[in-house]
Amino acid sequence: MPGLIRGVARTAVVAGTATAVSNRVSRRQAGRWQEQEQQQYQQQQQYQQPPPQQYAPPPPPAPAEDDMIAKLEQLGALHDKGILTDEEFAAQKAKILGG
């Protein structure tokens, strides 16, 4: 009987050692695969095109009021100098103001 117990114990030790070695190999291989996947992912990220830029609408044009005020000032200056008559001044002013 002692021979049988010794044989069973030896088998258990061999099986336990094989399991431990197998687990270590599996973990090491999984770590290598993970490193490879990470490297591939980083390479893919480098070669991917950047995301498209969002279209930004152009800035609004300068307010027409500034232009209208400048024209009215020029018109007033011409009227003050006597170049435009009262009727011409009134007609051009109405035209600038849109009325």
N, C-alpha and C. Protein backbone atom coordinates (compact mmCIF):
# COMPACT_ATOMS: atom_id res chain seq x y z
N MET A 1 0.79 -1.18 0.00
CA MET A 1 0.00 0.00 0.00
C MET A 1 0.85 1.26 0.00
N PRO A 2 1.99 1.25 0.71
CA PRO A 2 2.80 2.45 0.67
C PRO A 2 3.24 2.79 -0.75
N GLY A 3 3.44 1.83 -1.57
CA GLY A 3 3.82 2.09 -2.96
C GLY A 3 2.71 2.79 -3.72
N LEU A 4 1.50 2.41 -3.41
CA LEU A 4 0.34 3.04 -4.07
C LEU A 4 0.20 4.49 -3.64
N ILE A 5 0.37 4.76 -2.36
CA ILE A 5 0.26 6.13 -1.85
C ILE A 5 1.39 6.98 -2.45
N ARG A 6 2.58 6.39 -2.50
CA ARG A 6 3.70 7.11 -3.08
C ARG A 6 3.43 7.43 -4.56
N GLY A 7 2.87 6.52 -5.27
CA GLY A 7 2.55 6.73 -6.68
C GLY A 7 1.49 7.81 -6.87
N VAL A 8 0.48 7.78 -6.02
CA VAL A 8 -0.59 8.80 -6.09
C VAL A 8 -0.01 10.17 -5.74
N ALA A 9 0.85 10.21 -4.71
CA ALA A 9 1.44 11.49 -4.31
C ALA A 9 2.32 12.03 -5.42
N ARG A 10 3.11 11.16 -6.03
CA ARG A 10 3.97 11.59 -7.13
C ARG A 10 3.12 12.14 -8.29
N THR A 11 2.05 11.46 -8.60
CA THR A 11 1.15 11.90 -9.67
C THR A 11 0.55 13.28 -9.34
N ALA A 12 0.18 13.46 -8.09
CA ALA A 12 -0.38 14.74 -7.66
C ALA A 12 0.65 15.86 -7.79
N VAL A 13 1.88 15.58 -7.40
CA VAL A 13 2.93 16.60 -7.50
C VAL A 13 3.20 16.94 -8.95
N VAL A 14 3.27 15.93 -9.79
CA VAL A 14 3.52 16.16 -11.22
C VAL A 14 2.37 16.94 -11.84
N ALA A 15 1.15 16.57 -11.51
CA ALA A 15 -0.01 17.26 -12.06
C ALA A 15 -0.06 18.71 -11.57
N GLY A 16 0.25 18.92 -10.28
CA GLY A 16 0.25 20.29 -9.74
C GLY A 16 1.33 21.13 -10.37
N THR A 17 2.50 20.55 -10.58
CA THR A 17 3.58 21.29 -11.23
C THR A 17 3.22 21.61 -12.67
N ALA A 18 2.63 20.65 -13.35
CA ALA A 18 2.23 20.89 -14.74
C ALA A 18 1.17 21.99 -14.83
N THR A 19 0.25 21.98 -13.89
CA THR A 19 -0.78 23.02 -13.87
C THR A 19 -0.16 24.39 -13.61
N ALA A 20 0.76 24.46 -12.67
CA ALA A 20 1.40 25.75 -12.35
C ALA A 20 2.19 26.27 -13.55
N VAL A 21 2.94 25.39 -14.19
CA VAL A 21 3.72 25.78 -15.37
C VAL A 21 2.79 26.21 -16.50
N SER A 22 1.73 25.45 -16.70
CA SER A 22 0.77 25.77 -17.76
C SER A 22 0.13 27.14 -17.52
N ASN A 23 -0.23 27.41 -16.26
CA ASN A 23 -0.83 28.70 -15.94
C ASN A 23 0.16 29.84 -16.18
N ARG A 24 1.41 29.64 -15.80
CA ARG A 24 2.42 30.68 -16.01
C ARG A 24 2.63 30.94 -17.50
N VAL A 25 2.69 29.88 -18.29
CA VAL A 25 2.86 30.03 -19.74
C VAL A 25 1.66 30.76 -20.33
N SER A 26 0.48 30.39 -19.87
CA SER A 26 -0.74 31.04 -20.37
C SER A 26 -0.75 32.54 -20.05
N ARG A 27 -0.38 32.88 -18.81
CA ARG A 27 -0.34 34.30 -18.43
C ARG A 27 0.70 35.06 -19.24
N ARG A 28 1.87 34.45 -19.41
CA ARG A 28 2.93 35.11 -20.17
C ARG A 28 2.49 35.33 -21.62
N GLN A 29 1.87 34.30 -22.20
CA GLN A 29 1.41 34.42 -23.59
C GLN A 29 0.30 35.47 -23.70
N ALA A 30 -0.60 35.49 -22.74
CA ALA A 30 -1.66 36.50 -22.76
C ALA A 30 -1.07 37.90 -22.65
N GLY A 31 -0.05 38.08 -21.84
CA GLY A 31 0.62 39.37 -21.73
C GLY A 31 1.27 39.78 -23.04
N ARG A 32 1.89 38.83 -23.72
CA ARG A 32 2.50 39.13 -25.03
C ARG A 32 1.44 39.53 -26.04
N TRP A 33 0.33 38.81 -26.05
CA TRP A 33 -0.75 39.14 -27.00
C TRP A 33 -1.32 40.52 -26.70
N GLN A 34 -1.44 40.81 -25.43
CA GLN A 34 -1.97 42.12 -25.06
C GLN A 34 -1.02 43.23 -25.51
N GLU A 35 0.29 43.02 -25.36
CA GLU A 35 1.26 44.01 -25.82
C GLU A 35 1.19 44.19 -27.33
N GLN A 36 1.05 43.09 -28.06
CA GLN A 36 0.94 43.16 -29.51
C GLN A 36 -0.31 43.91 -29.92
N GLU A 37 -1.42 43.62 -29.28
CA GLU A 37 -2.67 44.31 -29.59
C GLU A 37 -2.56 45.81 -29.30
N GLN A 38 -1.90 46.14 -28.21
CA GLN A 38 -1.73 47.55 -27.86
C GLN A 38 -0.86 48.26 -28.89
N GLN A 39 0.22 47.60 -29.33
CA GLN A 39 1.07 48.20 -30.35
C GLN A 39 0.31 48.39 -31.66
N GLN A 40 -0.48 47.39 -32.05
CA GLN A 40 -1.26 47.50 -33.27
C GLN A 40 -2.28 48.64 -33.15
N TYR A 41 -2.89 48.77 -32.00
CA TYR A 41 -3.86 49.84 -31.79
C TYR A 41 -3.20 51.20 -31.91
N GLN A 42 -2.01 51.34 -31.31
CA GLN A 42 -1.30 52.62 -31.39
C GLN A 42 -0.91 52.93 -32.82
N GLN A 43 -0.48 51.92 -33.58
CA GLN A 43 -0.13 52.14 -34.97
C GLN A 43 -1.35 52.56 -35.78
N GLN A 44 -2.48 51.94 -35.51
CA GLN A 44 -3.71 52.31 -36.22
C GLN A 44 -4.09 53.75 -35.90
N GLN A 45 -3.91 54.15 -34.66
CA GLN A 45 -4.24 55.52 -34.27
C GLN A 45 -3.36 56.52 -34.98
N GLN A 46 -2.10 56.16 -35.22
CA GLN A 46 -1.18 57.07 -35.90
C GLN A 46 -1.58 57.26 -37.35
N TYR A 47 -2.08 56.19 -37.98
CA TYR A 47 -2.39 56.26 -39.40
C TYR A 47 -3.82 56.70 -39.69
N GLN A 48 -4.62 56.82 -38.68
CA GLN A 48 -5.99 57.27 -38.91
C GLN A 48 -5.99 58.75 -39.27
N GLN A 49 -6.90 59.11 -40.14
CA GLN A 49 -7.03 60.51 -40.51
C GLN A 49 -7.61 61.28 -39.34
N PRO A 50 -7.19 62.53 -39.19
CA PRO A 50 -7.77 63.33 -38.11
C PRO A 50 -9.26 63.55 -38.37
N PRO A 51 -10.02 63.76 -37.33
CA PRO A 51 -11.46 63.97 -37.53
C PRO A 51 -11.68 65.22 -38.38
N PRO A 52 -12.71 65.21 -39.20
CA PRO A 52 -12.96 66.38 -40.05
C PRO A 52 -13.24 67.61 -39.21
N GLN A 53 -12.75 68.72 -39.68
CA GLN A 53 -12.97 69.98 -38.97
C GLN A 53 -14.41 70.42 -39.17
N GLN A 54 -14.97 70.89 -38.12
CA GLN A 54 -16.34 71.39 -38.20
C GLN A 54 -16.34 72.70 -38.97
N TYR A 55 -17.32 72.87 -39.83
CA TYR A 55 -17.44 74.08 -40.62
C TYR A 55 -17.91 75.21 -39.72
N ALA A 56 -17.14 76.26 -39.71
CA ALA A 56 -17.52 77.44 -38.93
C ALA A 56 -18.10 78.47 -39.90
N PRO A 57 -19.28 78.95 -39.64
CA PRO A 57 -19.86 79.94 -40.55
C PRO A 57 -19.02 81.21 -40.55
N PRO A 58 -18.99 81.89 -41.67
CA PRO A 58 -18.20 83.13 -41.73
C PRO A 58 -18.78 84.16 -40.76
N PRO A 59 -17.95 85.05 -40.30
CA PRO A 59 -18.48 86.07 -39.39
C PRO A 59 -19.51 86.93 -40.11
N PRO A 60 -20.46 87.43 -39.38
CA PRO A 60 -21.49 88.25 -40.02
C PRO A 60 -20.86 89.50 -40.60
N PRO A 61 -21.44 90.00 -41.68
CA PRO A 61 -20.89 91.21 -42.28
C PRO A 61 -21.03 92.39 -41.31
N ALA A 62 -20.19 93.37 -41.52
CA ALA A 62 -20.24 94.56 -40.67
C ALA A 62 -21.65 95.15 -40.74
N PRO A 63 -22.13 95.63 -39.63
CA PRO A 63 -23.49 96.18 -39.64
C PRO A 63 -23.63 97.29 -40.67
N ALA A 64 -24.77 97.27 -41.33
CA ALA A 64 -25.04 98.26 -42.36
C ALA A 64 -25.22 99.65 -41.74
N GLU A 65 -25.50 99.69 -40.44
CA GLU A 65 -25.70 100.97 -39.78
C GLU A 65 -24.44 101.83 -39.83
N ASP A 66 -23.27 101.19 -39.64
CA ASP A 66 -22.03 101.95 -39.70
C ASP A 66 -21.86 102.58 -41.07
N ASP A 67 -22.13 101.79 -42.10
CA ASP A 67 -22.02 102.29 -43.47
C ASP A 67 -23.05 103.39 -43.72
N MET A 68 -24.25 103.19 -43.21
CA MET A 68 -25.32 104.17 -43.40
C MET A 68 -24.97 105.49 -42.70
N ILE A 69 -24.42 105.39 -41.50
CA ILE A 69 -24.06 106.61 -40.76
C ILE A 69 -22.96 107.36 -41.49
N ALA A 70 -21.98 106.63 -42.02
CA ALA A 70 -20.89 107.28 -42.77
C ALA A 70 -21.44 107.99 -44.00
N LYS A 71 -22.38 107.35 -44.70
CA LYS A 71 -22.96 107.98 -45.90
C LYS A 71 -23.77 109.22 -45.53
N LEU A 72 -24.50 109.13 -44.43
CA LEU A 72 -25.29 110.29 -44.00
C LEU A 72 -24.37 111.45 -43.59
N GLU A 73 -23.25 111.12 -42.95
CA GLU A 73 -22.31 112.19 -42.58
C GLU A 73 -21.72 112.85 -43.82
N GLN A 74 -21.37 112.03 -44.81
CA GLN A 74 -20.85 112.60 -46.07
C GLN A 74 -21.92 113.45 -46.74
N LEU A 75 -23.13 112.97 -46.74
CA LEU A 75 -24.25 113.71 -47.35
C LEU A 75 -24.48 115.04 -46.63
N GLY A 76 -24.41 115.00 -45.30
CA GLY A 76 -24.57 116.23 -44.52
C GLY A 76 -23.45 117.22 -44.80
N ALA A 77 -22.23 116.72 -44.95
CA ALA A 77 -21.11 117.60 -45.26
C ALA A 77 -21.30 118.25 -46.62
N LEU A 78 -21.76 117.49 -47.60
CA LEU A 78 -22.01 118.06 -48.93
C LEU A 78 -23.13 119.11 -48.88
N HIS A 79 -24.13 118.86 -48.07
CA HIS A 79 -25.24 119.81 -47.93
C HIS A 79 -24.76 121.10 -47.25
N ASP A 80 -23.92 120.93 -46.19
CA ASP A 80 -23.41 122.10 -45.47
C ASP A 80 -22.52 122.95 -46.36
N LYS A 81 -21.80 122.33 -47.27
CA LYS A 81 -20.91 123.08 -48.17
C LYS A 81 -21.68 123.74 -49.31
N GLY A 82 -22.94 123.37 -49.42
CA GLY A 82 -23.76 123.98 -50.46
C GLY A 82 -23.70 123.22 -51.77
N ILE A 83 -23.11 122.09 -51.79
CA ILE A 83 -23.02 121.32 -53.03
C ILE A 83 -24.36 120.68 -53.35
N LEU A 84 -25.10 120.28 -52.31
CA LEU A 84 -26.43 119.70 -52.51
C LEU A 84 -27.49 120.69 -52.04
N THR A 85 -28.57 120.72 -52.78
CA THR A 85 -29.70 121.56 -52.37
C THR A 85 -30.50 120.82 -51.31
N ASP A 86 -31.46 121.51 -50.71
CA ASP A 86 -32.30 120.88 -49.69
C ASP A 86 -33.06 119.69 -50.27
N GLU A 87 -33.56 119.85 -51.52
CA GLU A 87 -34.32 118.77 -52.15
C GLU A 87 -33.43 117.57 -52.46
N GLU A 88 -32.22 117.83 -52.95
CA GLU A 88 -31.30 116.74 -53.26
C GLU A 88 -30.88 116.02 -51.97
N PHE A 89 -30.61 116.82 -50.94
CA PHE A 89 -30.23 116.24 -49.66
C PHE A 89 -31.34 115.33 -49.12
N ALA A 90 -32.59 115.80 -49.19
CA ALA A 90 -33.73 115.02 -48.68
C ALA A 90 -33.91 113.75 -49.50
N ALA A 91 -33.74 113.86 -50.82
CA ALA A 91 -33.92 112.69 -51.69
C ALA A 91 -32.83 111.64 -51.40
N GLN A 92 -31.57 112.07 -51.27
CA GLN A 92 -30.48 111.13 -51.01
C GLN A 92 -30.60 110.53 -49.60
N LYS A 93 -31.04 111.35 -48.66
CA LYS A 93 -31.21 110.85 -47.29
C LYS A 93 -32.29 109.76 -47.26
N ALA A 94 -33.39 110.00 -47.94
CA ALA A 94 -34.47 109.00 -48.01
C ALA A 94 -33.98 107.73 -48.69
N LYS A 95 -33.15 107.89 -49.73
CA LYS A 95 -32.61 106.73 -50.45
C LYS A 95 -31.71 105.90 -49.53
N ILE A 96 -30.85 106.57 -48.73
CA ILE A 96 -29.95 105.86 -47.82
C ILE A 96 -30.74 105.16 -46.71
N LEU A 97 -31.72 105.83 -46.17
CA LEU A 97 -32.51 105.26 -45.09
C LEU A 97 -33.51 104.21 -45.57
N GLY A 98 -33.61 104.06 -46.89
CA GLY A 98 -34.48 103.03 -47.44
C GLY A 98 -35.93 103.41 -47.47
N GLY A 99 -36.19 104.67 -47.50
CA GLY A 99 -37.60 105.06 -47.49
C GLY A 99 -37.97 106.06 -48.50
